[in-house]
Amino acid sequence: AALAVARASHQHVVAFALENREHLDIRAHEKLKRKQVDAIVANPLPTMDAKTIEPIWLGADGERDAPGTMTKAEAAQWIVGKLERWDKKKKK
């Protein structure tokens, strides 16, 4: 939350939420608003020690993207790709 308040206009702040699957969307949206971040990547709790995850991107702009199960390395690339596309949109 402190980073979100102090960010410069060219910066994006993305938070992470690890929650029980049945409350994942609700709690991630609450965290998104409470921390005033640009987006949050939500993951079900069982992914903590797993080799794969099921990330869900929730943007402050209302975007929701759930690409399904992927490795953690694939998820990192996916998040970087989301940020790169975000920057391209912002520059237009």
Protein backbone atom coordinates (compact mmCIF):
# COMPACT_ATOMS: atom_id res chain seq x y z
CA ALA A 1 0.00 0.00 0.00
CA ALA A 2 2.87 2.40 0.78
CA LEU A 3 4.35 1.81 -2.68
CA ALA A 4 1.02 2.52 -4.38
CA VAL A 5 0.70 5.89 -2.67
CA ALA A 6 4.31 6.88 -3.46
CA ARG A 7 4.44 5.66 -7.08
CA ALA A 8 5.40 8.01 -9.89
CA SER A 9 3.05 8.50 -12.83
CA HIS A 10 5.10 6.13 -15.00
CA GLN A 11 5.10 3.30 -12.45
CA HIS A 12 2.66 0.42 -11.92
CA VAL A 13 2.19 -1.38 -8.64
CA VAL A 14 1.05 -4.99 -8.79
CA ALA A 15 0.26 -6.86 -5.60
CA PHE A 16 -0.27 -10.55 -4.97
CA ALA A 17 -3.02 -12.34 -3.10
CA LEU A 18 -2.85 -15.92 -1.89
CA GLU A 19 -6.31 -16.94 -0.68
CA ASN A 20 -8.62 -19.91 -0.28
CA ARG A 21 -10.13 -20.75 -3.65
CA GLU A 22 -13.72 -20.15 -2.51
CA HIS A 23 -12.95 -16.56 -1.43
CA LEU A 24 -10.20 -15.78 -3.94
CA ASP A 25 -11.96 -13.22 -6.15
CA ILE A 26 -13.72 -11.40 -3.32
CA ARG A 27 -10.64 -11.09 -1.10
CA ALA A 28 -8.36 -10.18 -4.01
CA HIS A 29 -10.74 -7.39 -5.08
CA GLU A 30 -10.85 -6.14 -1.48
CA LYS A 31 -7.05 -6.09 -1.34
CA LEU A 32 -6.88 -4.33 -4.73
CA LYS A 33 -9.08 -1.51 -3.45
CA ARG A 34 -7.59 -1.34 0.05
CA LYS A 35 -4.00 -1.12 -1.16
CA GLN A 36 -4.89 1.11 -4.13
CA VAL A 37 -2.65 -0.86 -6.48
CA ASP A 38 -2.99 -0.99 -10.26
CA ALA A 39 -3.52 -4.75 -10.37
CA ILE A 40 -3.36 -7.84 -8.27
CA VAL A 41 -2.35 -11.37 -9.18
CA ALA A 42 -4.49 -13.75 -7.18
CA ASN A 43 -3.57 -17.39 -6.60
CA PRO A 44 -5.42 -20.17 -4.80
CA LEU A 45 -3.77 -21.15 -1.51
CA PRO A 46 -2.77 -24.68 -2.61
CA THR A 47 -0.37 -23.19 -5.19
CA MET A 48 1.99 -22.10 -2.40
CA ASP A 49 4.11 -25.26 -2.52
CA ALA A 50 3.01 -26.52 -5.94
CA LYS A 51 4.99 -26.57 -9.19
CA THR A 52 2.08 -24.98 -11.04
CA ILE A 53 -0.25 -22.11 -10.27
CA GLU A 54 -3.56 -20.74 -11.52
CA PRO A 55 -3.02 -16.98 -11.54
CA ILE A 56 -5.85 -14.51 -11.98
CA TRP A 57 -5.04 -10.93 -13.00
CA LEU A 58 -7.43 -8.37 -11.55
CA GLY A 59 -6.87 -4.83 -12.75
CA ALA A 60 -8.09 -1.65 -11.10
CA ASP A 61 -9.55 -0.88 -14.54
CA GLY A 62 -11.84 -3.93 -14.23
CA GLU A 63 -9.75 -6.28 -16.36
CA ARG A 64 -9.88 -9.92 -15.32
CA ASP A 65 -7.66 -12.51 -16.96
CA ALA A 66 -7.45 -16.13 -15.83
CA PRO A 67 -5.19 -18.05 -18.23
CA GLY A 68 -5.46 -21.36 -16.37
CA THR A 69 -2.82 -23.64 -14.91
CA MET A 70 0.82 -22.86 -15.71
CA THR A 71 4.27 -23.31 -14.22
CA LYS A 72 5.58 -20.55 -11.98
CA ALA A 73 8.14 -19.63 -14.67
CA GLU A 74 5.34 -19.34 -17.24
CA ALA A 75 3.35 -17.21 -14.80
CA ALA A 76 6.30 -14.85 -14.35
CA GLN A 77 6.53 -14.44 -18.14
CA TRP A 78 2.77 -13.91 -18.33
CA ILE A 79 2.91 -11.15 -15.69
CA VAL A 80 5.82 -9.43 -17.45
CA GLY A 81 3.86 -9.63 -20.71
CA LYS A 82 0.83 -8.04 -19.06
CA LEU A 83 3.00 -5.17 -17.83
CA GLU A 84 4.63 -4.70 -21.25
CA ARG A 85 1.22 -4.52 -22.94
CA TRP A 86 0.07 -2.09 -20.25
CA ASP A 87 2.97 0.22 -21.03
CA LYS A 88 2.24 0.07 -24.77
CA LYS A 89 -1.40 1.05 -24.15
CA LYS A 90 -0.34 3.90 -21.89
CA LYS A 91 2.09 5.31 -24.49
CA LYS A 92 -0.60 5.51 -27.19
